[in-house]
């Protein structure tokens, strides 16, 4: 099994967990401290995993802001007091679905 497949599988698990925590209602992220903390932690893990993907894979998907993912990971891990709700919601509502599409496509591609 190649490294990309392992990281992609792990990323898919993270995305699915975040989806499960929110359960179709992003307001849960804002209103429930436990959900908020769980989502932020899982986003940190997810963004770290994304940094391990090969350059070739990332180059196939210029529609994904890979440097933005890395930057967001650094904020989540080191400057978590600066994470604002609007930025996190934007990632949850827009970034995750885009990334999910890429992860699914790549999992269908790599062997």
PDB file of N, CA and C in Angstrom:
ATOM      1  N   UNK A   1       0.860  -1.189   0.000  1.00  0.00           N
ATOM      2  CA  UNK A   1       0.000   0.000   0.000  1.00  0.00           C
ATOM      3  C   UNK A   1       0.896   1.239   0.000  1.00  0.00           C
ATOM      4  N   UNK A   2       0.593   2.187  -0.859  1.00  0.00           N
ATOM      5  CA  UNK A   2       1.440   3.371  -0.888  1.00  0.00           C
ATOM      6  C   UNK A   2       1.015   4.365   0.198  1.00  0.00           C
ATOM      7  N   UNK A   3       1.906   5.268   0.509  1.00  0.00           N
ATOM      8  CA  UNK A   3       1.649   6.240   1.576  1.00  0.00           C
ATOM      9  C   UNK A   3       0.438   7.111   1.293  1.00  0.00           C
ATOM     10  N   UNK A   4       0.260   7.539   0.043  1.00  0.00           N
ATOM     11  CA  UNK A   4      -0.893   8.384  -0.273  1.00  0.00           C
ATOM     12  C   UNK A   4      -2.195   7.676   0.089  1.00  0.00           C
ATOM     13  N   UNK A   5      -2.302   6.429  -0.245  1.00  0.00           N
ATOM     14  CA  UNK A   5      -3.536   5.687   0.053  1.00  0.00           C
ATOM     15  C   UNK A   5      -3.783   5.643   1.568  1.00  0.00           C
ATOM     16  N   UNK A   6      -2.756   5.409   2.336  1.00  0.00           N
ATOM     17  CA  UNK A   6      -2.907   5.375   3.789  1.00  0.00           C
ATOM     18  C   UNK A   6      -3.355   6.732   4.323  1.00  0.00           C
ATOM     19  N   UNK A   7      -2.716   7.804   3.852  1.00  0.00           N
ATOM     20  CA  UNK A   7      -3.089   9.142   4.318  1.00  0.00           C
ATOM     21  C   UNK A   7      -4.485   9.516   3.854  1.00  0.00           C
ATOM     22  N   UNK A   8      -4.831   9.180   2.621  1.00  0.00           N
ATOM     23  CA  UNK A   8      -6.167   9.483   2.107  1.00  0.00           C
ATOM     24  C   UNK A   8      -7.247   8.742   2.899  1.00  0.00           C
ATOM     25  N   UNK A   9      -6.984   7.493   3.217  1.00  0.00           N
ATOM     26  CA  UNK A   9      -7.934   6.709   4.001  1.00  0.00           C
ATOM     27  C   UNK A   9      -8.125   7.341   5.376  1.00  0.00           C
ATOM     28  N   UNK A  10      -7.042   7.772   5.979  1.00  0.00           N
ATOM     29  CA  UNK A  10      -7.109   8.424   7.279  1.00  0.00           C
ATOM     30  C   UNK A  10      -7.859   9.757   7.175  1.00  0.00           C
ATOM     31  N   UNK A  11      -7.604  10.507   6.108  1.00  0.00           N
ATOM     32  CA  UNK A  11      -8.289  11.777   5.901  1.00  0.00           C
ATOM     33  C   UNK A  11      -9.795  11.559   5.729  1.00  0.00           C
ATOM     34  N   UNK A  12     -10.167  10.526   4.989  1.00  0.00           N
ATOM     35  CA  UNK A  12     -11.582  10.213   4.810  1.00  0.00           C
ATOM     36  C   UNK A  12     -12.235   9.916   6.160  1.00  0.00           C
ATOM     37  N   UNK A  13     -11.555   9.178   6.997  1.00  0.00           N
ATOM     38  CA  UNK A  13     -12.071   8.889   8.337  1.00  0.00           C
ATOM     39  C   UNK A  13     -12.283  10.194   9.127  1.00  0.00           C
ATOM     40  N   UNK A  14     -11.336  11.100   9.036  1.00  0.00           N
ATOM     41  CA  UNK A  14     -11.465  12.392   9.728  1.00  0.00           C
ATOM     42  C   UNK A  14     -12.671  13.168   9.230  1.00  0.00           C
ATOM     43  N   UNK A  15     -12.831  13.237   7.921  1.00  0.00           N
ATOM     44  CA  UNK A  15     -13.958  13.966   7.332  1.00  0.00           C
ATOM     45  C   UNK A  15     -15.277  13.339   7.776  1.00  0.00           C
ATOM     46  N   UNK A  16     -15.338  12.021   7.759  1.00  0.00           N
ATOM     47  CA  UNK A  16     -16.565  11.342   8.173  1.00  0.00           C
ATOM     48  C   UNK A  16     -16.865  11.569   9.649  1.00  0.00           C
ATOM     49  N   UNK A  17     -15.836  11.609  10.482  1.00  0.00           N
ATOM     50  CA  UNK A  17     -16.059  11.888  11.896  1.00  0.00           C
ATOM     51  C   UNK A  17     -16.590  13.308  12.103  1.00  0.00           C
ATOM     52  N   UNK A  18     -16.000  14.270  11.399  1.00  0.00           N
ATOM     53  CA  UNK A  18     -16.479  15.656  11.504  1.00  0.00           C
ATOM     54  C   UNK A  18     -17.942  15.721  11.074  1.00  0.00           C
ATOM     55  N   UNK A  19     -18.256  15.076   9.961  1.00  0.00           N
ATOM     56  CA  UNK A  19     -19.647  15.045   9.501  1.00  0.00           C
ATOM     57  C   UNK A  19     -20.554  14.435  10.569  1.00  0.00           C
ATOM     58  N   UNK A  20     -20.074  13.394  11.219  1.00  0.00           N
ATOM     59  CA  UNK A  20     -20.856  12.752  12.271  1.00  0.00           C
ATOM     60  C   UNK A  20     -21.045  13.644  13.486  1.00  0.00           C
ATOM     61  N   UNK A  21     -20.013  14.385  13.851  1.00  0.00           N
ATOM     62  CA  UNK A  21     -20.119  15.288  14.998  1.00  0.00           C
ATOM     63  C   UNK A  21     -21.167  16.375  14.742  1.00  0.00           C
ATOM     64  N   UNK A  22     -21.165  16.880  13.524  1.00  0.00           N
ATOM     65  CA  UNK A  22     -22.079  17.975  13.172  1.00  0.00           C
ATOM     66  C   UNK A  22     -23.465  17.426  12.840  1.00  0.00           C
ATOM     67  N   UNK A  23     -23.503  16.248  12.270  1.00  0.00           N
ATOM     68  CA  UNK A  23     -24.760  15.563  11.958  1.00  0.00           C
ATOM     69  C   UNK A  23     -25.712  16.439  11.150  1.00  0.00           C
ATOM     70  N   UNK A  24     -25.182  17.080  10.107  1.00  0.00           N
ATOM     71  CA  UNK A  24     -26.004  17.869   9.196  1.00  0.00           C
ATOM     72  C   UNK A  24     -26.423  19.240   9.709  1.00  0.00           C
ATOM     73  N   UNK A  25     -25.935  19.625  10.871  1.00  0.00           N
ATOM     74  CA  UNK A  25     -26.345  20.895  11.468  1.00  0.00           C
ATOM     75  C   UNK A  25     -25.106  21.651  11.942  1.00  0.00           C
ATOM     76  N   UNK A  26     -24.579  22.547  11.102  1.00  0.00           N
ATOM     77  CA  UNK A  26     -23.351  23.258  11.461  1.00  0.00           C
ATOM     78  C   UNK A  26     -23.520  24.137  12.695  1.00  0.00           C
ATOM     79  N   UNK A  27     -24.765  24.453  13.039  1.00  0.00           N
ATOM     80  CA  UNK A  27     -24.991  25.225  14.267  1.00  0.00           C
ATOM     81  C   UNK A  27     -24.511  24.458  15.501  1.00  0.00           C
ATOM     82  N   UNK A  28     -24.470  23.142  15.402  1.00  0.00           N
ATOM     83  CA  UNK A  28     -23.956  22.349  16.526  1.00  0.00           C
ATOM     84  C   UNK A  28     -22.509  22.720  16.829  1.00  0.00           C
ATOM     85  N   UNK A  29     -21.756  23.065  15.788  1.00  0.00           N
ATOM     86  CA  UNK A  29     -20.366  23.463  15.971  1.00  0.00           C
ATOM     87  C   UNK A  29     -20.278  24.726  16.823  1.00  0.00           C
ATOM     88  N   UNK A  30     -21.195  25.633  16.614  1.00  0.00           N
ATOM     89  CA  UNK A  30     -21.195  26.907  17.330  1.00  0.00           C
ATOM     90  C   UNK A  30     -21.809  26.768  18.719  1.00  0.00           C
ATOM     91  N   UNK A  31     -22.836  25.962  18.845  1.00  0.00           N
ATOM     92  CA  UNK A  31     -23.617  25.916  20.075  1.00  0.00           C
ATOM     93  C   UNK A  31     -23.145  24.891  21.094  1.00  0.00           C
ATOM     94  N   UNK A  32     -22.466  23.854  20.663  1.00  0.00           N
ATOM     95  CA  UNK A  32     -22.095  22.770  21.569  1.00  0.00           C
ATOM     96  C   UNK A  32     -20.570  22.753  21.738  1.00  0.00           C
ATOM     97  N   UNK A  33     -20.102  23.069  22.934  1.00  0.00           N
ATOM     98  CA  UNK A  33     -18.659  23.152  23.189  1.00  0.00           C
ATOM     99  C   UNK A  33     -17.936  21.839  22.910  1.00  0.00           C
ATOM    100  N   UNK A  34     -18.560  20.723  23.209  1.00  0.00           N
ATOM    101  CA  UNK A  34     -17.928  19.420  22.980  1.00  0.00           C
ATOM    102  C   UNK A  34     -17.783  19.171  21.480  1.00  0.00           C
ATOM    103  N   UNK A  35     -18.830  19.465  20.721  1.00  0.00           N
ATOM    104  CA  UNK A  35     -18.765  19.317  19.267  1.00  0.00           C
ATOM    105  C   UNK A  35     -17.714  20.271  18.705  1.00  0.00           C
ATOM    106  N   UNK A  36     -17.711  21.494  19.180  1.00  0.00           N
ATOM    107  CA  UNK A  36     -16.733  22.495  18.741  1.00  0.00           C
ATOM    108  C   UNK A  36     -15.303  21.976  18.948  1.00  0.00           C
ATOM    109  N   UNK A  37     -15.027  21.503  20.147  1.00  0.00           N
ATOM    110  CA  UNK A  37     -13.685  21.003  20.453  1.00  0.00           C
ATOM    111  C   UNK A  37     -13.334  19.773  19.617  1.00  0.00           C
ATOM    112  N   UNK A  38     -14.294  18.863  19.455  1.00  0.00           N
ATOM    113  CA  UNK A  38     -14.045  17.646  18.680  1.00  0.00           C
ATOM    114  C   UNK A  38     -13.764  17.968  17.214  1.00  0.00           C
ATOM    115  N   UNK A  39     -14.527  18.891  16.660  1.00  0.00           N
ATOM    116  CA  UNK A  39     -14.342  19.264  15.251  1.00  0.00           C
ATOM    117  C   UNK A  39     -12.986  19.934  15.057  1.00  0.00           C
ATOM    118  N   UNK A  40     -12.635  20.866  15.936  1.00  0.00           N
ATOM    119  CA  UNK A  40     -11.341  21.539  15.793  1.00  0.00           C
ATOM    120  C   UNK A  40     -10.185  20.556  15.924  1.00  0.00           C
ATOM    121  N   UNK A  41     -10.283  19.647  16.846  1.00  0.00           N
ATOM    122  CA  UNK A  41      -9.212  18.649  17.006  1.00  0.00           C
ATOM    123  C   UNK A  41      -9.113  17.760  15.772  1.00  0.00           C
ATOM    124  N   UNK A  42     -10.249  17.323  15.265  1.00  0.00           N
ATOM    125  CA  UNK A  42     -10.236  16.458  14.088  1.00  0.00           C
ATOM    126  C   UNK A  42      -9.751  17.232  12.867  1.00  0.00           C
ATOM    127  N   UNK A  43     -10.068  18.525  12.773  1.00  0.00           N
ATOM    128  CA  UNK A  43      -9.529  19.351  11.685  1.00  0.00           C
ATOM    129  C   UNK A  43      -8.014  19.455  11.786  1.00  0.00           C
ATOM    130  N   UNK A  44      -7.515  19.584  12.993  1.00  0.00           N
ATOM    131  CA  UNK A  44      -6.064  19.633  13.182  1.00  0.00           C
ATOM    132  C   UNK A  44      -5.412  18.349  12.684  1.00  0.00           C
ATOM    133  N   UNK A  45      -5.996  17.230  13.040  1.00  0.00           N
ATOM    134  CA  UNK A  45      -5.457  15.925  12.617  1.00  0.00           C
ATOM    135  C   UNK A  45      -5.558  15.786  11.101  1.00  0.00           C
ATOM    136  N   UNK A  46      -6.696  16.172  10.544  1.00  0.00           N
ATOM    137  CA  UNK A  46      -6.915  16.086   9.100  1.00  0.00           C
ATOM    138  C   UNK A  46      -5.920  16.934   8.329  1.00  0.00           C
ATOM    139  N   UNK A  47      -5.719  18.165   8.771  1.00  0.00           N
ATOM    140  CA  UNK A  47      -4.809  19.057   8.048  1.00  0.00           C
ATOM    141  C   UNK A  47      -3.366  18.578   8.164  1.00  0.00           C
ATOM    142  N   UNK A  48      -3.021  17.968   9.286  1.00  0.00           N
ATOM    143  CA  UNK A  48      -1.690  17.384   9.415  1.00  0.00           C
ATOM    144  C   UNK A  48      -1.531  16.221   8.439  1.00  0.00           C
ATOM    145  N   UNK A  49      -2.532  15.366   8.352  1.00  0.00           N
ATOM    146  CA  UNK A  49      -2.475  14.232   7.419  1.00  0.00           C
ATOM    147  C   UNK A  49      -2.311  14.719   5.980  1.00  0.00           C
ATOM    148  N   UNK A  50      -3.006  15.803   5.629  1.00  0.00           N
ATOM    149  CA  UNK A  50      -2.915  16.337   4.265  1.00  0.00           C
ATOM    150  C   UNK A  50      -1.496  16.765   3.925  1.00  0.00           C
ATOM    151  N   UNK A  51      -0.751  17.195   4.924  1.00  0.00           N
ATOM    152  CA  UNK A  51       0.618  17.640   4.670  1.00  0.00           C
ATOM    153  C   UNK A  51       1.541  16.478   4.292  1.00  0.00           C
ATOM    154  N   UNK A  52       1.102  15.257   4.517  1.00  0.00           N
ATOM    155  CA  UNK A  52       1.920  14.082   4.205  1.00  0.00           C
ATOM    156  C   UNK A  52       1.659  13.527   2.804  1.00  0.00           C
ATOM    157  N   UNK A  53       0.692  14.071   2.107  1.00  0.00           N
ATOM    158  CA  UNK A  53       0.406  13.603   0.752  1.00  0.00           C
ATOM    159  C   UNK A  53       1.554  13.964  -0.184  1.00  0.00           C
ATOM    160  N   UNK A  54       1.737  13.149  -1.188  1.00  0.00           N
ATOM    161  CA  UNK A  54       2.830  13.380  -2.133  1.00  0.00           C
ATOM    162  C   UNK A  54       2.616  14.664  -2.920  1.00  0.00           C
ATOM    163  N   UNK A  55       3.710  15.212  -3.367  1.00  0.00           N
ATOM    164  CA  UNK A  55       3.657  16.414  -4.205  1.00  0.00           C
ATOM    165  C   UNK A  55       2.903  16.120  -5.498  1.00  0.00           C
ATOM    166  N   UNK A  56       3.085  14.929  -6.059  1.00  0.00           N
ATOM    167  CA  UNK A  56       2.394  14.568  -7.302  1.00  0.00           C
ATOM    168  C   UNK A  56       0.882  14.609  -7.119  1.00  0.00           C
ATOM    169  N   UNK A  57       0.400  14.097  -6.006  1.00  0.00           N
ATOM    170  CA  UNK A  57      -1.034  14.124  -5.745  1.00  0.00           C
ATOM    171  C   UNK A  57      -1.516  15.559  -5.606  1.00  0.00           C
ATOM    172  N   UNK A  58      -0.794  16.346  -4.848  1.00  0.00           N
ATOM    173  CA  UNK A  58      -1.209  17.742  -4.659  1.00  0.00           C
ATOM    174  C   UNK A  58      -1.199  18.507  -5.978  1.00  0.00           C
ATOM    175  N   UNK A  59      -0.241  18.219  -6.836  1.00  0.00           N
ATOM    176  CA  UNK A  59      -0.176  18.899  -8.136  1.00  0.00           C
ATOM    177  C   UNK A  59      -1.347  18.519  -9.033  1.00  0.00           C
ATOM    178  N   UNK A  60      -1.903  17.326  -8.860  1.00  0.00           N
ATOM    179  CA  UNK A  60      -3.068  16.921  -9.644  1.00  0.00           C
ATOM    180  C   UNK A  60      -4.323  17.691  -9.237  1.00  0.00           C
ATOM    181  N   UNK A  61      -4.267  18.355  -8.096  1.00  0.00           N
ATOM    182  CA  UNK A  61      -5.452  19.035  -7.575  1.00  0.00           C
ATOM    183  C   UNK A  61      -5.144  20.475  -7.176  1.00  0.00           C
ATOM    184  N   UNK A  62      -4.878  21.311  -8.181  1.00  0.00           N
ATOM    185  CA  UNK A  62      -4.597  22.727  -7.884  1.00  0.00           C
ATOM    186  C   UNK A  62      -5.829  23.463  -7.349  1.00  0.00           C
ATOM    187  N   UNK A  63      -7.006  22.856  -7.467  1.00  0.00           N
ATOM    188  CA  UNK A  63      -8.218  23.485  -6.942  1.00  0.00           C
ATOM    189  C   UNK A  63      -8.244  23.497  -5.410  1.00  0.00           C
ATOM    190  N   UNK A  64      -7.374  22.702  -4.806  1.00  0.00           N
ATOM    191  CA  UNK A  64      -7.267  22.652  -3.342  1.00  0.00           C
ATOM    192  C   UNK A  64      -6.127  23.578  -2.914  1.00  0.00           C
ATOM    193  N   UNK A  65      -6.389  24.397  -1.940  1.00  0.00           N
ATOM    194  CA  UNK A  65      -5.386  25.317  -1.397  1.00  0.00           C
ATOM    195  C   UNK A  65      -4.534  24.570  -0.365  1.00  0.00           C
ATOM    196  N   UNK A  66      -3.563  23.809  -0.854  1.00  0.00           N
ATOM    197  CA  UNK A  66      -2.745  22.967   0.023  1.00  0.00           C
ATOM    198  C   UNK A  66      -1.950  23.801   1.020  1.00  0.00           C
ATOM    199  N   UNK A  67      -1.430  24.936   0.599  1.00  0.00           N
ATOM    200  CA  UNK A  67      -0.690  25.777   1.544  1.00  0.00           C
ATOM    201  C   UNK A  67      -1.633  26.377   2.580  1.00  0.00           C
ATOM    202  N   UNK A  68      -2.867  26.652   2.181  1.00  0.00           N
ATOM    203  CA  UNK A  68      -3.869  27.127   3.130  1.00  0.00           C
ATOM    204  C   UNK A  68      -4.201  26.069   4.168  1.00  0.00           C
ATOM    205  N   UNK A  69      -4.234  24.817   3.741  1.00  0.00           N
ATOM    206  CA  UNK A  69      -4.479  23.711   4.670  1.00  0.00           C
ATOM    207  C   UNK A  69      -3.357  23.644   5.694  1.00  0.00           C
ATOM    208  N   UNK A  70      -2.129  23.752   5.220  1.00  0.00           N
ATOM    209  CA  UNK A  70      -0.979  23.732   6.129  1.00  0.00           C
ATOM    210  C   UNK A  70      -1.023  24.917   7.089  1.00  0.00           C
ATOM    211  N   UNK A  71      -1.345  26.079   6.563  1.00  0.00           N
ATOM    212  CA  UNK A  71      -1.439  27.264   7.409  1.00  0.00           C
ATOM    213  C   UNK A  71      -2.524  27.134   8.451  1.00  0.00           C
ATOM    214  N   UNK A  72      -3.664  26.579   8.054  1.00  0.00           N
ATOM    215  CA  UNK A  72      -4.762  26.386   9.001  1.00  0.00           C
ATOM    216  C   UNK A  72      -4.354  25.381  10.073  1.00  0.00           C
ATOM    217  N   UNK A  73      -3.622  24.365   9.689  1.00  0.00           N
ATOM    218  CA  UNK A  73      -3.135  23.378  10.655  1.00  0.00           C
ATOM    219  C   UNK A  73      -2.242  24.050  11.685  1.00  0.00           C
ATOM    220  N   UNK A  74      -1.371  24.934  11.234  1.00  0.00           N
ATOM    221  CA  UNK A  74      -0.467  25.622  12.163  1.00  0.00           C
ATOM    222  C   UNK A  74      -1.243  26.494  13.143  1.00  0.00           C
ATOM    223  N   UNK A  75      -2.282  27.145  12.668  1.00  0.00           N
ATOM    224  CA  UNK A  75      -3.116  27.945  13.563  1.00  0.00           C
ATOM    225  C   UNK A  75      -3.820  27.036  14.566  1.00  0.00           C
ATOM    226  N   UNK A  76      -4.391  25.941  14.077  1.00  0.00           N
ATOM    227  CA  UNK A  76      -5.099  25.017  14.975  1.00  0.00           C
ATOM    228  C   UNK A  76      -4.176  24.447  16.045  1.00  0.00           C
ATOM    229  N   UNK A  77      -2.946  24.133  15.653  1.00  0.00           N
ATOM    230  CA  UNK A  77      -2.022  23.488  16.581  1.00  0.00           C
ATOM    231  C   UNK A  77      -1.298  24.459  17.498  1.00  0.00           C
ATOM    232  N   UNK A  78      -1.006  25.653  16.996  1.00  0.00           N
ATOM    233  CA  UNK A  78      -0.123  26.547  17.754  1.00  0.00           C
ATOM    234  C   UNK A  78      -0.746  27.877  18.156  1.00  0.00           C
ATOM    235  N   UNK A  79      -1.788  28.272  17.463  1.00  0.00           N
ATOM    236  CA  UNK A  79      -2.390  29.584  17.757  1.00  0.00           C
ATOM    237  C   UNK A  79      -3.901  29.429  17.883  1.00  0.00           C
ATOM    238  N   UNK A  80      -4.312  28.349  18.534  1.00  0.00           N
ATOM    239  CA  UNK A  80      -5.721  27.987  18.604  1.00  0.00           C
ATOM    240  C   UNK A  80      -6.612  29.082  19.179  1.00  0.00           C
ATOM    241  N   UNK A  81      -6.043  29.994  19.947  1.00  0.00           N
ATOM    242  CA  UNK A  81      -6.843  31.103  20.480  1.00  0.00           C
ATOM    243  C   UNK A  81      -7.245  32.078  19.383  1.00  0.00           C
ATOM    244  N   UNK A  82      -6.574  31.986  18.231  1.00  0.00           N
ATOM    245  CA  UNK A  82      -6.886  32.880  17.106  1.00  0.00           C
ATOM    246  C   UNK A  82      -7.863  32.263  16.112  1.00  0.00           C
ATOM    247  N   UNK A  83      -8.313  31.047  16.352  1.00  0.00           N
ATOM    248  CA  UNK A  83      -9.261  30.407  15.436  1.00  0.00           C
ATOM    249  C   UNK A  83     -10.619  31.074  15.630  1.00  0.00           C
ATOM    250  N   UNK A  84     -11.075  31.749  14.588  1.00  0.00           N
ATOM    251  CA  UNK A  84     -12.386  32.377  14.712  1.00  0.00           C
ATOM    252  C   UNK A  84     -13.445  31.462  14.113  1.00  0.00           C
ATOM    253  N   UNK A  85     -14.634  31.584  14.639  1.00  0.00           N
ATOM    254  CA  UNK A  85     -15.734  30.710  14.254  1.00  0.00           C
ATOM    255  C   UNK A  85     -16.032  30.815  12.764  1.00  0.00           C
ATOM    256  N   UNK A  86     -15.998  32.015  12.221  1.00  0.00           N
ATOM    257  CA  UNK A  86     -16.318  32.189  10.802  1.00  0.00           C
ATOM    258  C   UNK A  86     -15.337  31.437   9.899  1.00  0.00           C
ATOM    259  N   UNK A  87     -14.054  31.497  10.226  1.00  0.00           N
ATOM    260  CA  UNK A  87     -13.059  30.771   9.426  1.00  0.00           C
ATOM    261  C   UNK A  87     -13.277  29.269   9.515  1.00  0.00           C
ATOM    262  N   UNK A  88     -13.511  28.791  10.717  1.00  0.00           N
ATOM    263  CA  UNK A  88     -13.744  27.356  10.896  1.00  0.00           C
ATOM    264  C   UNK A  88     -15.003  26.917  10.160  1.00  0.00           C
ATOM    265  N   UNK A  89     -16.059  27.699  10.233  1.00  0.00           N
ATOM    266  CA  UNK A  89     -17.295  27.360   9.515  1.00  0.00           C
ATOM    267  C   UNK A  89     -17.074  27.341   8.010  1.00  0.00           C
ATOM    268  N   UNK A  90     -16.287  28.273   7.505  1.00  0.00           N
ATOM    269  CA  UNK A  90     -15.973  28.307   6.074  1.00  0.00           C
ATOM    270  C   UNK A  90     -15.255  27.018   5.661  1.00  0.00           C
ATOM    271  N   UNK A  91     -14.334  26.578   6.489  1.00  0.00           N
ATOM    272  CA  UNK A  91     -13.625  25.324   6.211  1.00  0.00           C
ATOM    273  C   UNK A  91     -14.606  24.153   6.230  1.00  0.00           C
ATOM    274  N   UNK A  92     -15.462  24.110   7.238  1.00  0.00           N
ATOM    275  CA  UNK A  92     -16.417  23.017   7.383  1.00  0.00           C
ATOM    276  C   UNK A  92     -17.410  22.981   6.226  1.00  0.00           C
ATOM    277  N   UNK A  93     -17.933  24.137   5.864  1.00  0.00           N
ATOM    278  CA  UNK A  93     -18.990  24.192   4.858  1.00  0.00           C
ATOM    279  C   UNK A  93     -18.484  24.160   3.423  1.00  0.00           C
ATOM    280  N   UNK A  94     -17.295  24.682   3.178  1.00  0.00           N
ATOM    281  CA  UNK A  94     -16.781  24.771   1.814  1.00  0.00           C
ATOM    282  C   UNK A  94     -15.551  23.898   1.599  1.00  0.00           C
ATOM    283  N   UNK A  95     -14.572  24.058   2.470  1.00  0.00           N
ATOM    284  CA  UNK A  95     -13.313  23.342   2.298  1.00  0.00           C
ATOM    285  C   UNK A  95     -13.432  21.841   2.423  1.00  0.00           C
ATOM    286  N   UNK A  96     -14.167  21.374   3.426  1.00  0.00           N
ATOM    287  CA  UNK A  96     -14.292  19.926   3.625  1.00  0.00           C
ATOM    288  C   UNK A  96     -14.989  19.220   2.469  1.00  0.00           C
ATOM    289  N   UNK A  97     -16.105  19.754   1.959  1.00  0.00           N
ATOM    290  CA  UNK A  97     -16.713  19.073   0.809  1.00  0.00           C
ATOM    291  C   UNK A  97     -15.782  19.005  -0.404  1.00  0.00           C
ATOM    292  N   UNK A  98     -15.042  20.081  -0.666  1.00  0.00           N
ATOM    293  CA  UNK A  98     -14.091  20.070  -1.783  1.00  0.00           C
ATOM    294  C   UNK A  98     -13.001  19.030  -1.547  1.00  0.00           C
ATOM    295  N   UNK A  99     -12.471  19.012  -0.334  1.00  0.00           N
ATOM    296  CA  UNK A  99     -11.428  18.047  -0.004  1.00  0.00           C
ATOM    297  C   UNK A  99     -11.974  16.627  -0.048  1.00  0.00           C
ATOM    298  N   UNK A 100     -13.191  16.442   0.421  1.00  0.00           N
ATOM    299  CA  UNK A 100     -13.824  15.122   0.394  1.00  0.00           C
ATOM    300  C   UNK A 100     -13.911  14.592  -1.036  1.00  0.00           C
ATOM    301  N   UNK A 101     -14.288  15.458  -1.960  1.00  0.00           N
ATOM    302  CA  UNK A 101     -14.373  15.076  -3.368  1.00  0.00           C
ATOM    303  C   UNK A 101     -13.014  14.604  -3.889  1.00  0.00           C
ATOM    304  N   UNK A 102     -11.966  15.341  -3.551  1.00  0.00           N
ATOM    305  CA  UNK A 102     -10.619  14.974  -3.991  1.00  0.00           C
ATOM    306  C   UNK A 102     -10.174  13.661  -3.350  1.00  0.00           C
ATOM    307  N   UNK A 103     -10.420  13.513  -2.066  1.00  0.00           N
ATOM    308  CA  UNK A 103     -10.031  12.281  -1.357  1.00  0.00           C
ATOM    309  C   UNK A 103     -10.729  11.078  -2.001  1.00  0.00           C
ATOM    310  N   UNK A 104     -12.031  11.191  -2.233  1.00  0.00           N
ATOM    311  CA  UNK A 104     -12.763  10.090  -2.875  1.00  0.00           C
ATOM    312  C   UNK A 104     -12.205   9.771  -4.251  1.00  0.00           C
ATOM    313  N   UNK A 105     -11.947  10.806  -5.040  1.00  0.00           N
ATOM    314  CA  UNK A 105     -11.415  10.599  -6.389  1.00  0.00           C
ATOM    315  C   UNK A 105     -10.050   9.918  -6.346  1.00  0.00           C
ATOM    316  N   UNK A 106      -9.213  10.374  -5.441  1.00  0.00           N
ATOM    317  CA  UNK A 106      -7.872   9.803  -5.339  1.00  0.00           C
ATOM    318  C   UNK A 106      -7.897   8.378  -4.787  1.00  0.00           C
ATOM    319  N   UNK A 107      -8.775   8.101  -3.871  1.00  0.00           N
ATOM    320  CA  UNK A 107      -8.874   6.732  -3.358  1.00  0.00           C
ATOM    321  C   UNK A 107      -9.321   5.770  -4.462  1.00  0.00           C
ATOM    322  N   UNK A 108     -10.112   6.271  -5.386  1.00  0.00           N
ATOM    323  CA  UNK A 108     -10.497   5.460  -6.534  1.00  0.00           C
ATOM    324  C   UNK A 108      -9.387   5.301  -7.552  1.00  0.00           C
ATOM    325  N   UNK A 109      -8.384   6.155  -7.445  1.00  0.00           N
ATOM    326  CA  UNK A 109      -7.287   6.191  -8.416  1.00  0.00           C
ATOM    327  C   UNK A 109      -6.069   5.417  -7.964  1.00  0.00           C
ATOM    328  N   UNK A 110      -5.658   5.590  -6.705  1.00  0.00           N
ATOM    329  CA  UNK A 110      -4.405   5.008  -6.244  1.00  0.00           C
ATOM    330  C   UNK A 110      -4.578   3.551  -5.854  1.00  0.00           C
ATOM    331  N   UNK A 111      -3.501   2.811  -6.013  1.00  0.00           N
ATOM    332  CA  UNK A 111      -3.520   1.393  -5.650  1.00  0.00           C
ATOM    333  C   UNK A 111      -2.454   1.079  -4.652  1.00  0.00           C
TER     334      UNK A 111
END
